[in-house]
Protein backbone atom coordinates (compact mmCIF):
# COMPACT_ATOMS: atom_id res chain seq x y z
CA MET A 1 0.00 0.00 0.00
CA GLY A 2 1.24 3.42 -0.94
CA THR A 3 4.85 2.49 -1.52
CA SER A 4 7.73 2.69 -3.94
CA MET A 5 10.31 0.12 -4.92
CA ASP A 6 12.84 2.87 -5.61
CA SER A 7 15.22 4.44 -3.14
CA GLU A 8 14.82 8.10 -2.25
CA SER A 9 16.22 8.94 -5.68
CA GLU A 10 16.12 11.78 -8.15
CA ARG A 11 14.09 9.50 -10.47
CA SER A 12 11.52 9.10 -7.70
CA ARG A 13 11.22 12.85 -7.25
CA GLN A 14 10.83 13.29 -11.01
CA MET A 15 7.85 10.90 -10.74
CA GLN A 16 6.24 13.40 -8.32
CA CYS A 17 7.11 11.36 -5.24
CA TRP A 18 8.14 13.11 -2.05
CA ASP A 19 11.63 14.28 -1.15
CA GLY A 20 11.99 12.21 2.04
CA PRO A 21 15.58 13.18 2.83
CA SER A 22 14.80 16.91 2.75
CA ILE A 23 11.64 16.49 4.80
CA VAL A 24 13.18 14.45 7.63
CA LYS A 25 16.60 16.15 7.72
CA SER A 26 15.56 18.89 10.15
CA PHE A 27 13.98 16.33 12.47
CA LEU A 28 17.15 14.19 12.42
CA VAL A 29 19.28 17.18 13.38
CA GLN A 30 16.80 18.15 16.10
CA TRP A 31 16.67 14.61 17.54
CA ALA A 32 20.43 13.96 17.61
CA SER A 33 21.82 13.84 21.14
CA SER A 34 24.91 12.41 22.78
CA GLN A 35 23.15 12.65 26.14
CA PRO A 36 20.11 10.68 27.32
CA THR A 37 16.83 12.52 26.75
CA PRO A 38 14.36 11.09 29.27
CA ASN A 39 11.87 13.91 28.59
CA PHE A 40 11.97 13.62 24.80
CA ASP A 41 8.79 14.52 22.95
CA PRO A 42 8.72 14.48 19.12
CA GLY A 43 6.83 17.76 19.09
CA SER A 44 3.67 18.94 17.41
CA GLY A 45 5.52 19.88 14.21
CA TYR A 46 6.50 16.28 13.61
CA CYS A 47 3.02 15.00 14.46
CA ASP A 48 1.41 17.53 12.14
CA ALA A 49 3.81 16.55 9.32
CA VAL A 50 3.15 12.81 9.70
CA ILE A 51 -0.60 13.24 9.94
CA GLY A 52 -0.68 15.68 7.04
CA ILE A 53 1.46 13.49 4.78
CA GLY A 54 -0.24 10.26 5.80
CA LEU A 55 -3.90 11.24 5.96
CA ASN A 56 -4.04 14.49 3.97
CA GLU A 57 -7.22 15.88 5.52
CA CYS A 58 -8.84 14.53 8.66
CA SER A 59 -11.16 15.60 11.43
CA GLN A 60 -9.87 17.31 14.54
CA ASP A 61 -10.74 14.20 16.58
CA VAL A 62 -8.61 12.00 14.30
CA ARG A 63 -5.76 14.53 14.39
CA GLU A 64 -5.87 14.66 18.21
CA PHE A 65 -5.96 10.85 18.47
CA TRP A 66 -2.89 10.42 16.22
CA THR A 67 -0.98 13.28 17.86
CA LYS A 68 -1.51 11.69 21.27
CA THR A 69 -0.60 8.22 19.94
CA ILE A 70 2.58 9.41 18.21
CA LYS A 71 3.73 11.38 21.25
CA GLU A 72 3.10 8.43 23.59
CA ASN A 73 4.88 5.98 21.28
CA TYR A 74 7.94 8.14 20.80
CA SER A 75 8.38 9.65 24.26
CA GLY A 76 11.55 9.44 26.35
CA GLU A 77 15.01 8.21 25.35
CA GLU A 78 13.81 4.92 23.83
CA GLY A 79 11.19 6.79 21.82
CA ARG A 80 13.78 9.26 20.55
CA GLN A 81 16.03 6.43 19.41
CA ARG A 82 13.15 4.63 17.63
CA ILE A 83 11.92 7.75 15.89
CA ARG A 84 15.46 8.63 14.74
CA MET A 85 15.95 5.16 13.26
CA ALA A 86 12.61 5.40 11.45
CA ALA A 87 13.50 8.86 10.11
CA ILE A 88 16.96 7.67 8.99
CA ASN A 89 15.23 4.88 7.09
CA LEU A 90 13.01 7.44 5.34
CA ALA A 91 16.05 9.55 4.45
CA GLU A 92 18.38 6.78 3.31
CA ARG A 93 16.38 3.69 2.41
CA ASP A 94 17.70 1.59 -0.42
CA GLY A 95 15.76 0.52 -3.47
CA LEU A 96 14.22 -2.84 -4.22
CA ARG A 97 13.86 -2.44 -7.96
CA LEU A 98 16.66 -4.85 -8.90
CA ARG A 99 15.12 -7.53 -6.67
CA LEU A 100 11.65 -7.41 -8.23
CA PRO A 101 12.31 -10.02 -10.95
CA ASP A 102 12.85 -12.51 -8.09
CA VAL A 103 9.34 -12.05 -6.68
CA ILE A 104 7.43 -15.16 -7.74
CA CYS A 105 4.24 -14.78 -5.70
CA PRO A 106 1.12 -12.81 -6.63
CA VAL A 107 1.30 -9.08 -5.87
CA LYS A 108 -1.62 -6.82 -4.98
CA TRP A 109 -0.44 -3.21 -4.82
CA MET A 110 -3.03 -0.77 -3.50
CA HIS A 111 -2.41 2.92 -3.97
CA GLY A 112 -4.48 5.98 -3.12
CA THR A 113 -4.98 8.59 -5.80
CA LYS A 114 -4.24 11.31 -3.24
CA ASP A 115 -1.11 9.73 -1.79
CA ALA A 116 1.10 12.68 -0.82
CA VAL A 117 4.27 10.57 -0.65
CA PHE A 118 4.34 8.34 -3.73
CA SER A 119 2.58 9.04 -7.01
CA VAL A 120 0.21 6.75 -8.90
CA ALA A 121 2.45 7.23 -11.96
CA ASN A 122 5.33 5.71 -9.98
CA ALA A 123 3.16 2.76 -8.92
CA GLU A 124 2.00 2.21 -12.51
CA GLU A 125 5.62 2.03 -13.67
CA GLU A 126 6.88 -0.16 -10.85
CA ILE A 127 4.10 -2.77 -10.83
CA LYS A 128 5.33 -3.76 -14.31
CA MET A 129 8.71 -4.66 -12.79
CA PHE A 130 7.30 -7.74 -11.01
CA THR A 131 8.05 -9.76 -14.15
CA ALA A 132 8.21 -13.19 -12.46
CA SER A 133 5.00 -12.73 -10.50
CA PRO A 134 2.15 -14.85 -11.87
CA ASP A 135 -0.26 -12.00 -11.12
CA ALA A 136 0.90 -8.47 -10.29
CA GLN A 137 -2.01 -6.06 -9.96
CA LEU A 138 -2.20 -2.38 -9.13
CA MET A 139 -5.44 -1.21 -7.56
CA THR A 140 -5.93 2.53 -7.19
CA ILE A 141 -8.40 3.77 -4.62
CA ASP A 142 -9.99 7.09 -5.49
CA GLY A 143 -9.22 9.73 -2.87
CA GLY A 144 -7.00 7.38 -0.87
CA ALA A 145 -4.21 8.92 1.21
CA HIS A 146 -0.72 7.54 1.93
CA PHE A 147 -2.05 5.78 5.04
CA LEU A 148 -4.53 4.01 2.79
CA ASN A 149 -5.78 1.51 5.34
CA ALA A 150 -6.68 4.45 7.60
CA SER A 151 -8.24 6.68 4.95
CA HIS A 152 -10.15 3.88 3.18
CA PRO A 153 -10.31 0.84 5.50
CA LYS A 154 -13.40 -0.75 3.94
CA GLU A 155 -11.92 -0.80 0.45
CA VAL A 156 -8.54 -2.02 1.67
CA ASN A 157 -9.98 -4.75 3.89
CA ALA A 158 -12.28 -6.02 1.12
CA ALA A 159 -9.41 -6.10 -1.41
CA VAL A 160 -7.05 -7.89 1.01
CA LEU A 161 -9.69 -10.47 1.88
CA LYS A 162 -10.47 -11.13 -1.80
CA PHE A 163 -6.73 -11.36 -2.61
CA VAL A 164 -5.99 -13.79 0.22
CA VAL A 165 -9.05 -15.99 -0.35
CA ASN A 166 -8.44 -16.29 -4.09
């Protein structure tokens, strides 16, 4: 769901995908510390960025729920370390494109048309790279956000169930 097989590359950005390294760089600098940070809190700026990128638009209740959840999950020194590792992954993840010809199972790629991170055009190009898969399908979900299972859970759950049962 809402992914890319490419690294955070120039090609990816030319396909209208996000610029992950630029987006997370300021957070990585902010979260670096050689001293323990028992009172660490990722801050509202980070929460707003994640919620905005992942859900696009949402109600105030949903925004408050996810802000509280993110802050609880990433609080204190252990939380700071986890969030830094996740952000480093977003900034420096490697690509999977050269491995795709080795995928021999069916593939169901679901992608929201309003994904703010990875474009549908990118998904349309990359689904074709699963050349050894007996059935590689791209399903776009109209209006779906990057966190597709949160923005369109009924559609995602129905598609997953149909894919697994068949």
